[in-house]
Amino acid sequence: MDTNSFRPEDAEGVSEQTLALTRRRSQLLGPAYRLFYRDPVHLVRGVGSHLFDADGERYLDVYNNVASVGHCHPRVVSAVQQQVATLNTHTRYLHEAVLDYAEDLLSTAPDEIGQLMLLCTGSEANDLAVRVAQAHTGARGVVISSEAYHGNTDTVSQLSPALGTAQPIGEWVRTVPAPDARLAAAEGWDDLGAWFAAKVAAAADELEDAGFGVAALLADSIFSSDGVFPDPAGFLAPAVAEVRARGGVFIADEVQPGFARTGRAFWGFDGHGVVPELVTTGKPMGNGIPVSGLLARSEVLASFADHLPYFNTFGGNPVSVAAAQAVLDVIRDEDLQGSALRVGTALRDDLVSLSARTDLLGEVRGSGLYIGLEVVDPETGAGSKALALDVVEALRQRRVLTSVCGAGGDVLKLRPPLVFSATDAAWLLEALDDAARAVGASRRAAGS
């Protein structure tokens, strides 16, 4: 995950004021944190899909799904202000607004999913989901994708190869390749769903042979950290069926595709025609206020609760729930799911056109307002992390903020707030066209 990071040794051209802040940050917060960009951005304010730095410069946010309904949305701000001025405590007391929210969120899910546990982060939600799956099945093994990121607790960091080779994958974990149709075709398969299910079956065989059994397939239904692979619709269903045949469950990690992000549906898993046993969510749920959830089939959750009660001091506190309720209301009232589909589809079409006339850009993949755009070496056509990072930096210089994903770090990750408009998309397209031209020209000059 160490991608477009600031490195002090490469700080030529960075202002002394910015360097002083980076040194202070490193001294106070330690070396483990990362900063984006060769020239870090000092942000002080946000509105909608725009961010502002300390000098008053406006940036286009094409990265943050945390502020899912836009930075500082007035309805979310007001809901938090009112609740924090009234009461904030934990879930060992009754609070009707918490129950109202649970009913509201569960109404967006299939009927089979009837209960909600509230937590603070997506990491906590995935950690709990794995524990529940293991308690329900009596098995321990989990299948994930090869570049998955599911969080940073001890358990889910072992399920997050995207963290890098320094973070070992659990012995009870097996990985499968990203569901890339090109990989399937290279192995002679024309049915992506069947190919992916075969990979999951092989991983499940290994887990069973090692004595771990199969507790779960844990997957983000658009495989965002793998490079964004949402299509074709339904390809995930055979893999889910394979895991269930072994006694396991499907955990849908909806931190990335959920909450209307794909435009096609409120939940990403809806695009595959499957109903998970467990659903996790996090970042977009509270628009920046820490809140996450585990939605579950009641019989699955009962298997866990029969053995162990669960308590989370800050999970489901009234202030976080007020923010979460406001987010749900805004998504509905402002038709942000419909907007994500309309704006995202138009943007994806325009990116395909841009890619066709720019030899630095490759395949475009995505759904709604989650789009992956490959950056390739013009001479070989292969993905290029170095060029992708150069494009990210060139976009930053044009005040457009984004990053990269994928196993090779060569896919631009375009994931703006859901309020991203057609005008915002035009800004992105113009900046990206200019940035790609500049990076290409620089590369040609360096090679001459």
Protein backbone atom coordinates (compact mmCIF):
# COMPACT_ATOMS: atom_id res chain seq x y z
CA MET A 1 0.00 0.00 0.00
CA ASP A 2 3.09 2.25 -0.05
CA THR A 3 2.28 3.84 -3.38
CA ASN A 4 2.49 7.56 -4.17
CA SER A 5 4.21 8.34 -0.88
CA PHE A 6 6.26 11.36 0.11
CA ARG A 7 9.93 10.63 0.64
CA PRO A 8 12.15 13.28 2.24
CA GLU A 9 15.10 12.28 0.08
CA ASP A 10 13.08 13.21 -3.03
CA ALA A 11 11.82 16.55 -1.71
CA GLU A 12 13.44 18.86 -4.23
CA GLY A 13 11.08 21.73 -5.01
CA VAL A 14 8.95 21.26 -1.89
CA SER A 15 8.46 24.49 0.05
CA GLU A 16 10.29 24.96 3.32
CA GLN A 17 6.96 25.43 5.09
CA THR A 18 5.71 22.04 3.85
CA LEU A 19 9.01 20.37 4.73
CA ALA A 20 8.81 21.79 8.24
CA LEU A 21 5.34 20.27 8.65
CA THR A 22 6.52 16.88 7.37
CA ARG A 23 9.45 16.89 9.80
CA ARG A 24 7.17 17.85 12.70
CA ARG A 25 4.70 15.15 11.70
CA SER A 26 7.38 12.49 11.54
CA GLN A 27 8.81 13.53 14.89
CA LEU A 28 5.44 13.51 16.66
CA LEU A 29 3.60 10.65 14.91
CA GLY A 30 6.51 8.34 14.14
CA PRO A 31 7.70 6.70 10.92
CA ALA A 32 4.87 4.22 10.23
CA TYR A 33 2.45 6.76 8.73
CA ARG A 34 2.58 7.60 5.02
CA LEU A 35 1.93 10.89 3.26
CA PHE A 36 0.57 11.13 -0.26
CA TYR A 37 2.52 12.92 -3.01
CA ARG A 38 6.09 14.01 -3.62
CA ASP A 39 4.87 17.47 -2.69
CA PRO A 40 2.39 16.79 0.16
CA VAL A 41 -0.92 18.65 0.27
CA HIS A 42 -1.82 20.62 3.41
CA LEU A 43 -5.63 20.56 3.47
CA VAL A 44 -7.66 22.79 5.75
CA ARG A 45 -11.25 22.68 4.43
CA GLY A 46 -13.63 20.60 2.35
CA VAL A 47 -17.00 21.17 0.66
CA GLY A 48 -18.76 18.59 -1.48
CA SER A 49 -16.23 17.06 -3.86
CA HIS A 50 -13.72 19.87 -3.37
CA LEU A 51 -10.88 20.34 -0.91
CA PHE A 52 -8.92 23.49 -0.08
CA ASP A 53 -5.32 23.84 1.01
CA ALA A 54 -3.73 26.31 3.41
CA ASP A 55 -3.13 28.76 0.55
CA GLY A 56 -6.78 28.68 -0.53
CA GLU A 57 -6.18 26.55 -3.63
CA ARG A 58 -9.12 24.35 -4.61
CA TYR A 59 -8.62 20.65 -5.38
CA LEU A 60 -10.91 18.07 -6.96
CA ASP A 61 -11.28 15.01 -4.73
CA VAL A 62 -11.37 11.88 -6.87
CA TYR A 63 -10.19 9.59 -4.08
CA ASN A 64 -12.17 9.82 -0.86
CA ASN A 65 -15.09 7.48 -0.36
CA VAL A 66 -15.01 8.34 3.35
CA ALA A 67 -16.92 11.57 2.74
CA SER A 68 -19.37 9.58 0.66
CA VAL A 69 -22.10 12.24 0.44
CA GLY A 70 -19.56 15.05 0.16
CA HIS A 71 -17.21 16.80 2.53
CA CYS A 72 -19.03 18.61 5.34
CA HIS A 73 -22.51 17.87 4.03
CA PRO A 74 -24.73 20.27 6.00
CA ARG A 75 -27.29 17.61 6.95
CA VAL A 76 -24.62 15.32 8.38
CA VAL A 77 -22.95 18.22 10.19
CA SER A 78 -26.28 19.32 11.68
CA ALA A 79 -27.23 15.79 12.78
CA VAL A 80 -23.90 15.32 14.57
CA GLN A 81 -24.03 18.75 16.20
CA GLN A 82 -27.53 18.19 17.54
CA GLN A 83 -26.81 14.72 18.91
CA VAL A 84 -23.45 15.54 20.48
CA ALA A 85 -25.16 18.41 22.29
CA THR A 86 -27.83 16.02 23.63
CA LEU A 87 -26.36 12.62 24.55
CA ASN A 88 -23.56 10.27 23.62
CA THR A 89 -23.16 6.93 25.38
CA HIS A 90 -22.91 3.23 24.52
CA THR A 91 -25.24 0.40 23.51
CA ARG A 92 -25.75 -1.08 26.97
CA TYR A 93 -28.48 1.50 27.37
CA LEU A 94 -31.60 1.72 25.24
CA HIS A 95 -31.62 4.38 22.53
CA GLU A 96 -34.45 4.44 20.01
CA ALA A 97 -32.51 6.22 17.26
CA VAL A 98 -30.05 3.31 17.14
CA LEU A 99 -32.93 0.89 16.56
CA ASP A 100 -34.52 3.18 13.98
CA TYR A 101 -31.26 3.26 12.06
CA ALA A 102 -30.87 -0.51 12.23
CA GLU A 103 -34.35 -0.94 10.74
CA ASP A 104 -33.59 1.61 8.04
CA LEU A 105 -30.26 0.11 7.00
CA LEU A 106 -31.57 -3.47 7.10
CA SER A 107 -34.42 -2.42 4.81
CA THR A 108 -31.83 -1.85 2.07
CA ALA A 109 -30.62 -5.47 2.32
CA PRO A 110 -32.28 -8.72 1.18
CA ASP A 111 -34.94 -10.12 3.52
CA GLU A 112 -32.66 -12.97 4.60
CA ILE A 113 -30.35 -10.46 6.29
CA GLY A 114 -32.15 -9.34 9.42
CA GLN A 115 -29.71 -8.18 12.10
CA LEU A 116 -27.07 -5.48 12.50
CA MET A 117 -24.13 -5.13 14.84
CA LEU A 118 -22.56 -1.68 15.06
CA LEU A 119 -18.84 -1.02 15.36
CA CYS A 120 -16.40 1.80 14.60
CA THR A 121 -14.27 0.76 11.61
CA GLY A 122 -14.33 -1.54 8.64
CA SER A 123 -11.40 -3.42 10.16
CA GLU A 124 -13.48 -4.17 13.25
CA ALA A 125 -16.43 -5.23 11.12
CA ASN A 126 -14.35 -7.65 9.05
CA ASP A 127 -12.60 -8.97 12.16
CA LEU A 128 -15.96 -9.72 13.77
CA ALA A 129 -17.36 -11.21 10.55
CA VAL A 130 -14.50 -13.70 10.38
CA ARG A 131 -15.02 -14.66 14.03
CA VAL A 132 -18.75 -15.15 13.42
CA ALA A 133 -18.11 -17.24 10.30
CA GLN A 134 -15.65 -19.45 12.15
CA ALA A 135 -18.03 -19.91 15.08
CA HIS A 136 -20.92 -20.75 12.75
CA THR A 137 -19.06 -23.24 10.57
CA GLY A 138 -16.62 -24.74 13.05
CA ALA A 139 -13.92 -24.26 10.42
CA ARG A 140 -11.11 -21.73 10.33
CA GLY A 141 -9.97 -21.36 6.71
CA VAL A 142 -10.73 -18.25 4.65
CA VAL A 143 -10.34 -17.64 0.90
CA ILE A 144 -9.48 -14.11 -0.30
CA SER A 145 -8.23 -12.47 -3.49
CA SER A 146 -4.52 -12.05 -4.09
CA GLU A 147 -4.43 -8.27 -3.58
CA ALA A 148 -7.22 -7.99 -1.00
CA TYR A 149 -7.31 -5.39 1.73
CA HIS A 150 -9.73 -6.11 4.58
CA GLY A 151 -8.28 -4.07 7.46
CA ASN A 152 -5.52 -3.74 10.01
CA THR A 153 -6.42 -5.72 13.13
CA ASP A 154 -4.22 -8.74 13.80
CA THR A 155 -6.78 -11.07 12.23
CA VAL A 156 -7.72 -9.12 9.13
CA SER A 157 -4.19 -7.92 8.43
CA GLN A 158 -3.51 -11.61 7.82
CA LEU A 159 -6.28 -11.38 5.22
CA SER A 160 -4.80 -8.31 3.51
CA PRO A 161 -2.00 -9.11 1.04
CA ALA A 162 -2.29 -5.53 -0.22
CA LEU A 163 -0.36 -4.50 2.90
CA GLY A 164 2.77 -5.96 1.32
CA THR A 165 5.16 -8.82 1.85
CA ALA A 166 6.23 -7.61 5.31
CA GLN A 167 2.75 -8.57 6.54
CA PRO A 168 2.47 -12.37 6.45
CA ILE A 169 -0.75 -14.00 5.32
CA GLY A 170 -2.28 -16.34 7.88
CA GLU A 171 -1.53 -20.05 7.56
CA TRP A 172 -5.31 -20.53 7.57
CA VAL A 173 -5.74 -18.27 4.53
CA ARG A 174 -5.50 -19.04 0.81
CA THR A 175 -5.52 -16.51 -2.02
CA VAL A 176 -6.96 -16.67 -5.52
CA PRO A 177 -6.10 -14.45 -8.51
CA ALA A 178 -8.08 -11.34 -9.29
CA PRO A 179 -11.12 -12.09 -11.48
CA ASP A 180 -9.47 -10.67 -14.60
CA ALA A 181 -10.97 -12.03 -17.82
CA ARG A 182 -7.56 -11.73 -19.48
CA LEU A 183 -6.06 -14.16 -16.97
CA ALA A 184 -8.91 -16.59 -17.55
CA ALA A 185 -8.54 -16.34 -21.33
CA ALA A 186 -4.80 -16.96 -21.08
CA GLU A 187 -5.61 -20.28 -19.38
CA GLY A 188 -8.17 -21.20 -22.05
CA TRP A 189 -11.35 -20.21 -20.17
CA ASP A 190 -14.06 -18.08 -21.76
CA ASP A 191 -16.35 -18.19 -18.70
CA LEU A 192 -14.91 -15.92 -16.01
CA GLY A 193 -17.31 -17.20 -13.35
CA ALA A 194 -16.37 -20.83 -13.95
CA TRP A 195 -12.64 -19.99 -13.98
CA PHE A 196 -12.87 -18.02 -10.75
CA ALA A 197 -14.92 -20.76 -9.07
CA ALA A 198 -12.25 -23.29 -10.08
CA LYS A 199 -9.58 -21.13 -8.43
CA VAL A 200 -11.69 -20.89 -5.27
CA ALA A 201 -12.24 -24.67 -5.32
CA ALA A 202 -8.49 -25.27 -5.54
CA ALA A 203 -7.89 -22.91 -2.61
CA ALA A 204 -10.62 -24.65 -0.62
CA ASP A 205 -9.01 -28.02 -1.36
CA GLU A 206 -5.74 -26.74 0.10
CA LEU A 207 -7.47 -25.49 3.25
CA GLU A 208 -9.25 -28.79 3.75
CA ASP A 209 -6.07 -30.78 3.12
CA ALA A 210 -4.28 -28.64 5.73
CA GLY A 211 -7.00 -29.36 8.29
CA PHE A 212 -8.43 -25.83 8.45
CA GLY A 213 -11.68 -26.48 6.64
CA VAL A 214 -13.51 -23.69 4.82
CA ALA A 215 -15.19 -21.06 6.97
CA ALA A 216 -15.65 -18.31 4.40
CA LEU A 217 -15.02 -16.63 1.12
CA LEU A 218 -14.30 -13.00 2.04
CA ALA A 219 -14.52 -10.69 -0.95
CA ASP A 220 -15.19 -7.14 -2.03
CA SER A 221 -17.62 -7.67 -4.89
CA ILE A 222 -15.86 -5.21 -7.22
CA PHE A 223 -12.37 -6.39 -6.21
CA SER A 224 -11.23 -2.81 -5.84
CA SER A 225 -7.77 -3.30 -4.38
CA ASP A 226 -7.06 -5.96 -7.01
CA GLY A 227 -7.51 -3.32 -9.71
CA VAL A 228 -11.34 -2.92 -9.98
CA PHE A 229 -13.09 -5.93 -11.53
CA PRO A 230 -16.90 -5.58 -11.18
CA ASP A 231 -18.00 -7.37 -14.36
CA PRO A 232 -19.63 -9.36 -15.78
CA ALA A 233 -22.69 -9.37 -13.56
CA GLY A 234 -23.08 -12.62 -11.67
CA PHE A 235 -19.57 -13.98 -12.13
CA LEU A 236 -19.08 -14.33 -8.35
CA ALA A 237 -22.09 -16.62 -7.84
CA PRO A 238 -20.39 -19.93 -8.81
CA ALA A 239 -17.53 -19.25 -6.39
CA VAL A 240 -19.99 -18.55 -3.58
CA ALA A 241 -21.80 -21.80 -4.38
CA GLU A 242 -18.47 -23.67 -4.25
CA VAL A 243 -17.71 -22.34 -0.76
CA ARG A 244 -21.20 -23.12 0.51
CA ALA A 245 -20.90 -26.68 -0.77
CA ARG A 246 -17.93 -27.03 1.60
CA GLY A 247 -19.93 -25.71 4.57
CA GLY A 248 -18.54 -22.17 4.36
CA VAL A 249 -20.26 -18.80 4.11
CA PHE A 250 -19.89 -15.72 1.94
CA ILE A 251 -18.76 -12.53 3.66
CA ALA A 252 -19.38 -9.53 1.40
CA ASP A 253 -16.96 -6.74 2.29
CA GLU A 254 -19.02 -3.74 1.19
CA VAL A 255 -16.72 -1.02 2.53
CA GLN A 256 -15.82 -0.10 -1.07
CA PRO A 257 -18.83 -1.03 -3.28
CA GLY A 258 -21.62 -0.46 -0.77
CA PHE A 259 -23.77 2.57 -0.01
CA ALA A 260 -24.76 3.26 -3.65
CA ARG A 261 -21.17 3.51 -4.92
CA THR A 262 -21.69 1.29 -7.98
CA GLY A 263 -24.86 3.12 -9.05
CA ARG A 264 -26.47 -0.16 -10.06
CA ALA A 265 -27.68 -0.99 -6.56
CA PHE A 266 -27.21 0.06 -2.95
CA TRP A 267 -24.98 -2.97 -2.30
CA GLY A 268 -22.27 -4.27 -4.60
CA PHE A 269 -23.17 -7.92 -4.05
CA ASP A 270 -26.57 -7.29 -5.67
CA GLY A 271 -24.77 -7.30 -9.01
CA HIS A 272 -23.92 -10.97 -8.58
CA GLY A 273 -27.36 -12.31 -7.69
CA VAL A 274 -26.19 -13.69 -4.35
CA VAL A 275 -27.32 -13.06 -0.78
CA PRO A 276 -24.35 -13.18 1.62
CA GLU A 277 -24.51 -14.68 5.08
CA LEU A 278 -22.55 -11.68 6.39
CA VAL A 279 -22.08 -8.14 5.07
CA THR A 280 -19.54 -5.62 6.36
CA THR A 281 -19.39 -1.90 5.87
CA GLY A 282 -17.35 1.00 7.16
CA LYS A 283 -15.85 4.14 5.60
CA PRO A 284 -18.81 5.60 3.67
CA MET A 285 -21.35 4.82 6.39
CA GLY A 286 -20.82 7.95 8.50
CA ASN A 287 -19.29 10.45 6.06
CA GLY A 288 -16.15 10.73 8.17
CA ILE A 289 -17.62 9.92 11.58
CA PRO A 290 -16.27 6.51 12.72
CA VAL A 291 -19.07 3.97 12.37
CA SER A 292 -19.24 0.54 10.76
CA GLY A 293 -21.57 -2.41 10.66
CA LEU A 294 -21.92 -6.15 10.37
CA LEU A 295 -25.22 -7.15 8.77
CA ALA A 296 -26.04 -10.81 9.23
CA ARG A 297 -28.48 -13.62 8.77
CA SER A 298 -29.92 -14.23 12.22
CA GLU A 299 -29.08 -17.95 12.35
CA VAL A 300 -25.43 -17.21 11.53
CA LEU A 301 -25.12 -14.52 14.18
CA ALA A 302 -26.80 -16.78 16.75
CA SER A 303 -23.99 -19.32 16.37
CA PHE A 304 -21.53 -16.69 17.56
CA ALA A 305 -23.72 -15.14 20.27
CA ASP A 306 -24.38 -18.56 21.79
CA HIS A 307 -20.70 -18.77 22.69
CA LEU A 308 -19.59 -15.19 23.28
CA PRO A 309 -21.31 -11.87 24.05
CA TYR A 310 -19.96 -8.87 22.16
CA PHE A 311 -19.50 -5.29 23.33
CA ASN A 312 -17.86 -2.33 21.63
CA THR A 313 -17.68 0.83 23.74
CA PHE A 314 -18.01 3.28 20.88
CA GLY A 315 -19.79 1.04 18.39
CA GLY A 316 -23.31 2.29 17.75
CA ASN A 317 -23.00 5.40 19.90
CA PRO A 318 -25.81 7.90 19.25
CA VAL A 319 -23.55 10.52 17.63
CA SER A 320 -22.13 8.08 15.10
CA VAL A 321 -25.60 6.71 14.42
CA ALA A 322 -26.94 10.24 13.87
CA ALA A 323 -24.28 10.72 11.21
CA ALA A 324 -25.07 7.35 9.66
CA GLN A 325 -28.80 8.09 9.55
CA ALA A 326 -28.14 11.43 7.88
CA VAL A 327 -25.98 9.71 5.25
CA LEU A 328 -28.77 7.25 4.43
CA ASP A 329 -31.29 10.08 4.21
CA VAL A 330 -29.07 12.13 1.90
CA ILE A 331 -28.38 9.19 -0.43
CA ARG A 332 -32.13 8.71 -0.84
CA ASP A 333 -33.27 12.33 -0.89
CA GLU A 334 -30.59 13.49 -3.34
CA ASP A 335 -30.78 10.33 -5.50
CA LEU A 336 -27.04 9.80 -5.15
CA GLN A 337 -27.30 6.22 -6.37
CA GLY A 338 -28.90 7.42 -9.59
CA SER A 339 -26.35 10.21 -9.88
CA ALA A 340 -23.47 7.77 -9.37
CA LEU A 341 -24.82 5.66 -12.23
CA ARG A 342 -25.40 8.60 -14.59
CA VAL A 343 -22.21 10.54 -13.91
CA GLY A 344 -20.11 7.40 -13.56
CA THR A 345 -21.35 5.84 -16.80
CA ALA A 346 -20.71 9.04 -18.75
CA LEU A 347 -17.28 9.40 -17.17
CA ARG A 348 -16.36 5.81 -17.97
CA ASP A 349 -17.40 6.29 -21.60
CA ASP A 350 -15.30 9.46 -21.83
CA LEU A 351 -12.33 7.67 -20.27
CA VAL A 352 -12.62 4.91 -22.87
CA SER A 353 -12.49 7.59 -25.58
CA LEU A 354 -9.52 9.27 -23.91
CA SER A 355 -7.70 5.96 -23.59
CA ALA A 356 -8.22 5.24 -27.28
CA ARG A 357 -6.34 8.40 -28.25
CA THR A 358 -3.68 8.29 -25.51
CA ASP A 359 -1.07 5.54 -25.72
CA LEU A 360 -0.28 5.88 -22.01
CA LEU A 361 -3.77 4.77 -20.90
CA GLY A 362 -5.18 1.26 -21.14
CA GLU A 363 -8.27 -0.65 -20.05
CA VAL A 364 -11.08 1.15 -18.24
CA ARG A 365 -13.09 -0.85 -15.69
CA GLY A 366 -15.69 0.13 -13.16
CA SER A 367 -19.24 0.68 -12.09
CA GLY A 368 -20.82 3.95 -11.05
CA LEU A 369 -18.31 6.13 -9.25
CA TYR A 370 -15.66 3.48 -8.75
CA ILE A 371 -13.46 3.31 -11.83
CA GLY A 372 -10.05 1.78 -12.47
CA LEU A 373 -7.94 3.08 -15.36
CA GLU A 374 -4.79 1.22 -16.34
CA VAL A 375 -1.61 3.15 -17.10
CA VAL A 376 0.60 1.28 -19.56
CA ASP A 377 4.03 1.47 -21.11
CA PRO A 378 3.37 2.76 -24.65
CA GLU A 379 6.09 0.51 -26.09
CA THR A 380 5.04 -2.78 -24.51
CA GLY A 381 1.40 -2.24 -23.56
CA ALA A 382 2.16 -3.69 -20.13
CA GLY A 383 1.01 -1.95 -16.99
CA SER A 384 3.53 0.50 -15.55
CA LYS A 385 3.57 1.48 -11.89
CA ALA A 386 6.23 4.13 -12.50
CA LEU A 387 4.16 5.84 -15.17
CA ALA A 388 0.97 5.50 -13.10
CA LEU A 389 2.65 7.27 -10.19
CA ASP A 390 3.93 9.96 -12.54
CA VAL A 391 0.34 10.50 -13.75
CA VAL A 392 -0.90 10.70 -10.14
CA GLU A 393 1.74 13.34 -9.39
CA ALA A 394 0.92 15.25 -12.58
CA LEU A 395 -2.75 15.24 -11.59
CA ARG A 396 -1.83 16.55 -8.14
CA GLN A 397 0.00 19.44 -9.81
CA ARG A 398 -3.26 20.13 -11.66
CA ARG A 399 -5.11 20.02 -8.32
CA VAL A 400 -6.81 16.66 -8.88
CA LEU A 401 -6.31 14.13 -6.09
CA THR A 402 -6.31 10.38 -6.61
CA SER A 403 -4.08 7.32 -6.16
CA VAL A 404 -3.41 3.84 -7.56
CA CYS A 405 -4.47 0.25 -6.91
CA GLY A 406 -3.93 -3.21 -8.34
CA ALA A 407 -1.25 -5.81 -7.77
CA GLY A 408 1.16 -3.89 -9.96
CA GLY A 409 0.17 -0.46 -8.67
CA ASP A 410 -0.57 0.54 -12.27
CA VAL A 411 -4.30 1.30 -12.06
CA LEU A 412 -5.57 4.80 -11.35
CA LYS A 413 -8.22 4.57 -8.63
CA LEU A 414 -11.04 7.01 -9.37
CA ARG A 415 -13.38 6.96 -6.36
CA PRO A 416 -14.84 10.41 -5.68
CA PRO A 417 -17.61 11.40 -3.27
CA LEU A 418 -21.07 10.47 -4.55
CA VAL A 419 -21.89 14.15 -5.12
CA PHE A 420 -19.30 14.21 -7.93
CA SER A 421 -20.93 16.12 -10.77
CA ALA A 422 -20.69 16.27 -14.55
CA THR A 423 -18.74 19.52 -14.11
CA ASP A 424 -16.32 17.74 -11.79
CA ALA A 425 -15.96 14.95 -14.34
CA ALA A 426 -15.08 17.49 -17.04
CA TRP A 427 -12.36 18.92 -14.76
CA LEU A 428 -10.96 15.43 -14.20
CA LEU A 429 -10.98 14.56 -17.90
CA GLU A 430 -9.22 17.76 -18.92
CA ALA A 431 -6.61 17.36 -16.19
CA LEU A 432 -6.06 13.68 -17.00
CA ASP A 433 -5.66 14.36 -20.72
CA ASP A 434 -3.12 17.08 -19.96
CA ALA A 435 -1.32 14.99 -17.33
CA ALA A 436 -1.01 11.96 -19.61
CA ARG A 437 0.38 14.12 -22.41
CA ALA A 438 2.89 15.72 -20.04
CA VAL A 439 4.05 12.38 -18.63
CA GLY A 440 4.33 10.91 -22.12
CA ALA A 441 6.34 13.88 -23.36
CA SER A 442 8.65 13.69 -20.35
CA ARG A 443 9.19 9.99 -20.94
CA ARG A 444 10.02 10.54 -24.61
CA ALA A 445 12.42 13.34 -23.73
CA ALA A 446 14.17 11.16 -21.17
CA GLY A 447 14.60 8.40 -23.76
CA SER A 448 15.94 10.63 -26.53
